[in-house]
Amino acid sequence: QVQLVESGGGMVQPGESLRLSCKASGNIFSIWPMGWYRQAPGKQRELVATITSGGRTNYAASVKGRFTISGDNAENTVSLEMNSLKPEDTAVYYCYAQSRSALGRYFDVWGLGTLVTVSS
């Protein structure tokens, strides 16, 4: 059993920055890749960024160049540095992990989400 807890959400003005963090805990055998998804009001959930245990990253086109994802294998954490925030970045951000058990079974694990609001 693995749990994900996000932190760092809040309200900021356009152009400002915010950093989100996610901590995995529980019976962890393998917890990578990890990533961030978001769901804006009236929109589908979309992938924001992912990172593998080896540090390979992938970004949505809408955030590439502005957001940076990073991970710490030892601490089982993943962070998202969000710069030059825009109103359209407003969404609930969810932490994601692909958990693998010692028996080789895979499970998708999701955090409860943290709200990011970008507004004047």
N, C-alpha and C. Protein backbone atom coordinates (compact mmCIF):
# COMPACT_ATOMS: atom_id res chain seq x y z
N GLN A 1 0.83 -1.18 0.00
CA GLN A 1 0.00 0.00 0.00
C GLN A 1 0.88 1.25 0.00
N VAL A 2 0.64 2.12 -0.98
CA VAL A 2 1.41 3.34 -1.14
C VAL A 2 0.46 4.53 -1.13
N GLN A 3 0.87 5.58 -0.46
CA GLN A 3 0.09 6.82 -0.42
C GLN A 3 0.93 7.97 -0.96
N LEU A 4 0.26 8.92 -1.61
CA LEU A 4 0.91 10.12 -2.12
C LEU A 4 0.25 11.34 -1.49
N VAL A 5 1.06 12.27 -1.02
CA VAL A 5 0.55 13.49 -0.42
C VAL A 5 1.20 14.68 -1.08
N GLU A 6 0.38 15.56 -1.66
CA GLU A 6 0.87 16.77 -2.31
C GLU A 6 0.86 17.93 -1.34
N SER A 7 1.71 18.90 -1.62
CA SER A 7 1.74 20.13 -0.86
C SER A 7 2.27 21.25 -1.73
N GLY A 8 2.01 22.48 -1.33
CA GLY A 8 2.55 23.63 -2.02
C GLY A 8 1.58 24.43 -2.85
N GLY A 9 0.37 23.96 -2.99
CA GLY A 9 -0.61 24.70 -3.76
C GLY A 9 -0.99 26.00 -3.08
N GLY A 10 -1.55 26.90 -3.86
CA GLY A 10 -1.95 28.18 -3.32
C GLY A 10 -2.39 29.14 -4.40
N MET A 11 -2.50 30.39 -4.02
CA MET A 11 -2.93 31.44 -4.94
C MET A 11 -1.76 32.37 -5.24
N VAL A 12 -1.53 32.60 -6.52
CA VAL A 12 -0.47 33.50 -6.96
C VAL A 12 -0.97 34.37 -8.10
N GLN A 13 -0.26 35.44 -8.36
CA GLN A 13 -0.59 36.33 -9.47
C GLN A 13 0.11 35.87 -10.74
N PRO A 14 -0.43 36.22 -11.90
CA PRO A 14 0.22 35.86 -13.15
C PRO A 14 1.67 36.31 -13.18
N GLY A 15 2.54 35.45 -13.69
CA GLY A 15 3.95 35.74 -13.78
C GLY A 15 4.76 35.28 -12.59
N GLU A 16 4.10 34.94 -11.52
CA GLU A 16 4.80 34.48 -10.32
C GLU A 16 5.08 32.99 -10.39
N SER A 17 5.76 32.49 -9.37
CA SER A 17 6.19 31.10 -9.34
C SER A 17 5.62 30.38 -8.14
N LEU A 18 5.58 29.06 -8.25
CA LEU A 18 5.09 28.22 -7.18
C LEU A 18 5.75 26.86 -7.30
N ARG A 19 6.00 26.22 -6.17
CA ARG A 19 6.63 24.91 -6.16
C ARG A 19 5.73 23.90 -5.46
N LEU A 20 5.43 22.83 -6.16
CA LEU A 20 4.64 21.74 -5.61
C LEU A 20 5.54 20.58 -5.23
N SER A 21 5.17 19.88 -4.17
CA SER A 21 5.93 18.72 -3.73
C SER A 21 4.99 17.55 -3.49
N CYS A 22 5.51 16.35 -3.67
CA CYS A 22 4.74 15.14 -3.45
C CYS A 22 5.62 14.13 -2.75
N LYS A 23 5.11 13.55 -1.68
CA LYS A 23 5.84 12.56 -0.90
C LYS A 23 5.09 11.23 -0.92
N ALA A 24 5.79 10.18 -1.27
CA ALA A 24 5.23 8.84 -1.25
C ALA A 24 5.61 8.14 0.04
N SER A 25 4.67 7.40 0.58
CA SER A 25 4.93 6.65 1.80
C SER A 25 4.16 5.33 1.75
N GLY A 26 4.48 4.46 2.68
CA GLY A 26 3.82 3.17 2.74
C GLY A 26 4.76 2.04 2.38
N ASN A 27 4.18 0.96 1.90
CA ASN A 27 4.95 -0.23 1.54
C ASN A 27 5.48 -0.07 0.12
N ILE A 28 6.61 0.62 0.01
CA ILE A 28 7.18 0.96 -1.29
C ILE A 28 8.23 -0.07 -1.70
N PHE A 29 8.02 -0.65 -2.86
CA PHE A 29 9.04 -1.48 -3.49
C PHE A 29 9.65 -0.72 -4.66
N SER A 30 8.80 -0.26 -5.53
CA SER A 30 9.20 0.62 -6.63
C SER A 30 8.09 1.63 -6.84
N ILE A 31 8.44 2.90 -6.99
CA ILE A 31 7.44 3.95 -7.06
C ILE A 31 7.64 4.85 -8.28
N TRP A 32 8.45 4.44 -9.20
CA TRP A 32 8.74 5.23 -10.40
C TRP A 32 8.25 4.54 -11.66
N PRO A 33 7.87 5.32 -12.68
CA PRO A 33 7.93 6.78 -12.78
C PRO A 33 6.89 7.49 -11.93
N MET A 34 7.14 8.77 -11.69
CA MET A 34 6.21 9.62 -11.00
C MET A 34 5.92 10.82 -11.88
N GLY A 35 4.88 11.56 -11.52
CA GLY A 35 4.56 12.71 -12.34
C GLY A 35 3.46 13.56 -11.76
N TRP A 36 3.08 14.55 -12.54
CA TRP A 36 2.03 15.47 -12.16
C TRP A 36 1.00 15.56 -13.26
N TYR A 37 -0.25 15.54 -12.88
CA TYR A 37 -1.37 15.79 -13.76
C TYR A 37 -2.17 16.95 -13.19
N ARG A 38 -3.02 17.53 -14.02
CA ARG A 38 -3.86 18.61 -13.53
C ARG A 38 -5.22 18.56 -14.19
N GLN A 39 -6.20 19.11 -13.50
CA GLN A 39 -7.54 19.19 -14.04
C GLN A 39 -8.09 20.58 -13.76
N ALA A 40 -8.32 21.33 -14.81
CA ALA A 40 -8.88 22.66 -14.71
C ALA A 40 -10.40 22.57 -14.71
N PRO A 41 -11.07 23.60 -14.21
CA PRO A 41 -12.54 23.59 -14.21
C PRO A 41 -13.11 23.37 -15.61
N GLY A 42 -13.98 22.40 -15.74
CA GLY A 42 -14.61 22.11 -17.01
C GLY A 42 -13.73 21.42 -18.03
N LYS A 43 -12.55 20.99 -17.63
CA LYS A 43 -11.62 20.36 -18.55
C LYS A 43 -11.28 18.94 -18.11
N GLN A 44 -10.76 18.17 -19.05
CA GLN A 44 -10.27 16.83 -18.73
C GLN A 44 -8.94 16.91 -17.99
N ARG A 45 -8.68 15.89 -17.20
CA ARG A 45 -7.38 15.78 -16.57
C ARG A 45 -6.32 15.60 -17.64
N GLU A 46 -5.21 16.29 -17.50
CA GLU A 46 -4.15 16.21 -18.48
C GLU A 46 -2.80 16.02 -17.81
N LEU A 47 -1.92 15.38 -18.54
CA LEU A 47 -0.56 15.19 -18.05
C LEU A 47 0.19 16.51 -18.09
N VAL A 48 0.92 16.79 -17.03
CA VAL A 48 1.76 17.98 -16.96
C VAL A 48 3.22 17.62 -17.19
N ALA A 49 3.71 16.68 -16.40
CA ALA A 49 5.11 16.27 -16.51
C ALA A 49 5.30 14.93 -15.83
N THR A 50 6.26 14.16 -16.31
CA THR A 50 6.63 12.90 -15.69
C THR A 50 8.14 12.81 -15.58
N ILE A 51 8.59 11.94 -14.68
CA ILE A 51 10.01 11.73 -14.51
C ILE A 51 10.25 10.28 -14.11
N THR A 52 11.29 9.68 -14.67
CA THR A 52 11.66 8.32 -14.33
C THR A 52 12.69 8.33 -13.21
N SER A 53 12.98 7.15 -12.68
CA SER A 53 13.98 7.06 -11.63
C SER A 53 15.36 7.46 -12.13
N GLY A 54 15.57 7.35 -13.43
CA GLY A 54 16.83 7.75 -14.03
C GLY A 54 16.91 9.22 -14.38
N GLY A 55 15.83 9.95 -14.14
CA GLY A 55 15.84 11.38 -14.38
C GLY A 55 15.33 11.82 -15.74
N ARG A 56 14.84 10.90 -16.54
CA ARG A 56 14.27 11.29 -17.83
C ARG A 56 12.93 11.97 -17.61
N THR A 57 12.74 13.10 -18.27
CA THR A 57 11.54 13.90 -18.07
C THR A 57 10.74 14.05 -19.35
N ASN A 58 9.46 14.31 -19.17
CA ASN A 58 8.56 14.58 -20.28
C ASN A 58 7.59 15.66 -19.83
N TYR A 59 7.31 16.62 -20.72
CA TYR A 59 6.45 17.74 -20.39
C TYR A 59 5.36 17.92 -21.43
N ALA A 60 4.22 18.40 -20.95
CA ALA A 60 3.20 18.83 -21.87
C ALA A 60 3.69 20.08 -22.60
N ALA A 61 3.28 20.23 -23.85
CA ALA A 61 3.74 21.37 -24.64
C ALA A 61 3.36 22.70 -23.99
N SER A 62 2.25 22.74 -23.31
CA SER A 62 1.77 23.97 -22.72
C SER A 62 2.61 24.46 -21.54
N VAL A 63 3.42 23.58 -20.96
CA VAL A 63 4.21 23.97 -19.79
C VAL A 63 5.71 23.88 -20.03
N LYS A 64 6.11 23.27 -21.12
CA LYS A 64 7.53 23.10 -21.39
C LYS A 64 8.22 24.46 -21.47
N GLY A 65 9.34 24.58 -20.78
CA GLY A 65 10.06 25.83 -20.72
C GLY A 65 9.69 26.68 -19.53
N ARG A 66 8.56 26.39 -18.91
CA ARG A 66 8.12 27.13 -17.74
C ARG A 66 8.15 26.28 -16.47
N PHE A 67 7.84 25.00 -16.60
CA PHE A 67 7.79 24.10 -15.46
C PHE A 67 8.99 23.17 -15.48
N THR A 68 9.44 22.77 -14.30
CA THR A 68 10.53 21.82 -14.17
C THR A 68 10.17 20.77 -13.14
N ILE A 69 10.23 19.50 -13.53
CA ILE A 69 9.96 18.41 -12.61
C ILE A 69 11.27 17.82 -12.14
N SER A 70 11.32 17.43 -10.89
CA SER A 70 12.50 16.81 -10.33
C SER A 70 12.08 15.74 -9.33
N GLY A 71 12.96 14.77 -9.11
CA GLY A 71 12.65 13.69 -8.20
C GLY A 71 13.83 13.32 -7.34
N ASP A 72 13.54 12.68 -6.24
CA ASP A 72 14.56 12.20 -5.32
C ASP A 72 14.25 10.74 -5.04
N ASN A 73 15.05 9.83 -5.61
CA ASN A 73 14.80 8.41 -5.45
C ASN A 73 14.88 7.96 -4.00
N ALA A 74 15.85 8.50 -3.27
CA ALA A 74 16.05 8.09 -1.89
C ALA A 74 14.90 8.51 -0.99
N GLU A 75 14.33 9.67 -1.27
CA GLU A 75 13.26 10.19 -0.43
C GLU A 75 11.87 9.87 -0.98
N ASN A 76 11.81 9.30 -2.18
CA ASN A 76 10.53 9.00 -2.82
C ASN A 76 9.66 10.24 -2.93
N THR A 77 10.25 11.29 -3.44
CA THR A 77 9.54 12.54 -3.61
C THR A 77 9.67 13.03 -5.05
N VAL A 78 8.74 13.85 -5.44
CA VAL A 78 8.79 14.50 -6.73
C VAL A 78 8.28 15.93 -6.55
N SER A 79 8.91 16.86 -7.25
CA SER A 79 8.54 18.26 -7.13
C SER A 79 8.26 18.83 -8.51
N LEU A 80 7.51 19.91 -8.52
CA LEU A 80 7.21 20.62 -9.76
C LEU A 80 7.41 22.10 -9.51
N GLU A 81 8.43 22.66 -10.13
CA GLU A 81 8.70 24.08 -10.06
C GLU A 81 7.96 24.76 -11.21
N MET A 82 7.04 25.63 -10.88
CA MET A 82 6.21 26.29 -11.87
C MET A 82 6.57 27.76 -11.92
N ASN A 83 7.06 28.19 -13.06
CA ASN A 83 7.45 29.58 -13.26
C ASN A 83 6.55 30.23 -14.31
N SER A 84 6.55 31.55 -14.30
CA SER A 84 5.77 32.33 -15.27
C SER A 84 4.34 31.82 -15.37
N LEU A 85 3.73 31.66 -14.23
CA LEU A 85 2.39 31.09 -14.18
C LEU A 85 1.37 31.97 -14.89
N LYS A 86 0.44 31.30 -15.54
CA LYS A 86 -0.62 31.96 -16.29
C LYS A 86 -1.98 31.59 -15.71
N PRO A 87 -2.98 32.42 -15.94
CA PRO A 87 -4.32 32.06 -15.45
C PRO A 87 -4.78 30.69 -15.91
N GLU A 88 -4.40 30.29 -17.12
CA GLU A 88 -4.80 28.99 -17.63
C GLU A 88 -4.12 27.81 -16.93
N ASP A 89 -3.15 28.10 -16.07
CA ASP A 89 -2.53 27.06 -15.26
C ASP A 89 -3.38 26.72 -14.04
N THR A 90 -4.40 27.50 -13.79
CA THR A 90 -5.27 27.25 -12.65
C THR A 90 -5.91 25.87 -12.77
N ALA A 91 -5.72 25.05 -11.76
CA ALA A 91 -6.22 23.68 -11.79
C ALA A 91 -5.92 23.01 -10.46
N VAL A 92 -6.52 21.85 -10.27
CA VAL A 92 -6.12 20.96 -9.20
C VAL A 92 -5.00 20.09 -9.74
N TYR A 93 -3.88 20.09 -9.07
CA TYR A 93 -2.72 19.33 -9.51
C TYR A 93 -2.62 18.04 -8.70
N TYR A 94 -2.50 16.92 -9.41
CA TYR A 94 -2.45 15.61 -8.79
C TYR A 94 -1.09 14.96 -8.98
N CYS A 95 -0.57 14.42 -7.93
CA CYS A 95 0.65 13.64 -8.00
C CYS A 95 0.31 12.22 -8.42
N TYR A 96 1.17 11.63 -9.23
CA TYR A 96 0.96 10.27 -9.75
C TYR A 96 2.22 9.44 -9.58
N ALA A 97 2.03 8.17 -9.32
CA ALA A 97 3.15 7.24 -9.28
C ALA A 97 2.71 5.89 -9.81
N GLN A 98 3.62 5.22 -10.49
CA GLN A 98 3.39 3.84 -10.89
C GLN A 98 4.10 2.96 -9.88
N SER A 99 3.31 2.30 -9.05
CA SER A 99 3.86 1.48 -7.99
C SER A 99 3.98 0.03 -8.46
N ARG A 100 5.10 -0.57 -8.18
CA ARG A 100 5.35 -1.97 -8.51
C ARG A 100 5.63 -2.73 -7.23
N SER A 101 4.92 -3.84 -7.04
CA SER A 101 5.13 -4.65 -5.86
C SER A 101 6.32 -5.56 -6.05
N ALA A 102 6.72 -6.21 -4.98
CA ALA A 102 7.83 -7.15 -5.05
C ALA A 102 7.52 -8.35 -5.94
N LEU A 103 6.24 -8.61 -6.16
CA LEU A 103 5.83 -9.72 -7.02
C LEU A 103 5.66 -9.31 -8.47
N GLY A 104 5.95 -8.06 -8.78
CA GLY A 104 5.90 -7.59 -10.15
C GLY A 104 4.57 -7.05 -10.60
N ARG A 105 3.66 -6.80 -9.69
CA ARG A 105 2.37 -6.23 -10.03
C ARG A 105 2.44 -4.71 -10.05
N TYR A 106 1.75 -4.10 -11.00
CA TYR A 106 1.77 -2.67 -11.15
C TYR A 106 0.45 -2.05 -10.70
N PHE A 107 0.56 -0.91 -10.02
CA PHE A 107 -0.60 -0.19 -9.54
C PHE A 107 -0.41 1.30 -9.80
N ASP A 108 -1.46 1.96 -10.27
CA ASP A 108 -1.45 3.41 -10.38
C ASP A 108 -1.87 4.00 -9.04
N VAL A 109 -1.07 4.94 -8.55
CA VAL A 109 -1.34 5.58 -7.28
C VAL A 109 -1.50 7.08 -7.50
N TRP A 110 -2.52 7.65 -6.89
CA TRP A 110 -2.83 9.07 -7.06
C TRP A 110 -2.93 9.77 -5.71
N GLY A 111 -2.45 11.01 -5.69
CA GLY A 111 -2.67 11.85 -4.53
C GLY A 111 -4.05 12.45 -4.58
N LEU A 112 -4.42 13.15 -3.54
CA LEU A 112 -5.75 13.76 -3.46
C LEU A 112 -5.82 15.10 -4.19
N GLY A 113 -4.69 15.67 -4.53
CA GLY A 113 -4.66 16.90 -5.29
C GLY A 113 -4.40 18.13 -4.44
N THR A 114 -3.84 19.14 -5.07
CA THR A 114 -3.63 20.43 -4.42
C THR A 114 -4.01 21.52 -5.42
N LEU A 115 -4.71 22.52 -4.94
CA LEU A 115 -5.26 23.54 -5.82
C LEU A 115 -4.26 24.66 -6.07
N VAL A 116 -4.08 24.98 -7.34
CA VAL A 116 -3.26 26.11 -7.76
C VAL A 116 -4.17 27.11 -8.46
N THR A 117 -4.20 28.33 -7.96
CA THR A 117 -5.02 29.38 -8.55
C THR A 117 -4.13 30.54 -8.97
N VAL A 118 -4.19 30.88 -10.24
CA VAL A 118 -3.40 31.99 -10.78
C VAL A 118 -4.37 33.08 -11.19
N SER A 119 -4.36 34.17 -10.46
CA SER A 119 -5.33 35.23 -10.69
C SER A 119 -4.80 36.55 -10.15
N SER A 120 -5.26 37.63 -10.76
CA SER A 120 -4.94 38.97 -10.28
C SER A 120 -5.86 39.38 -9.15
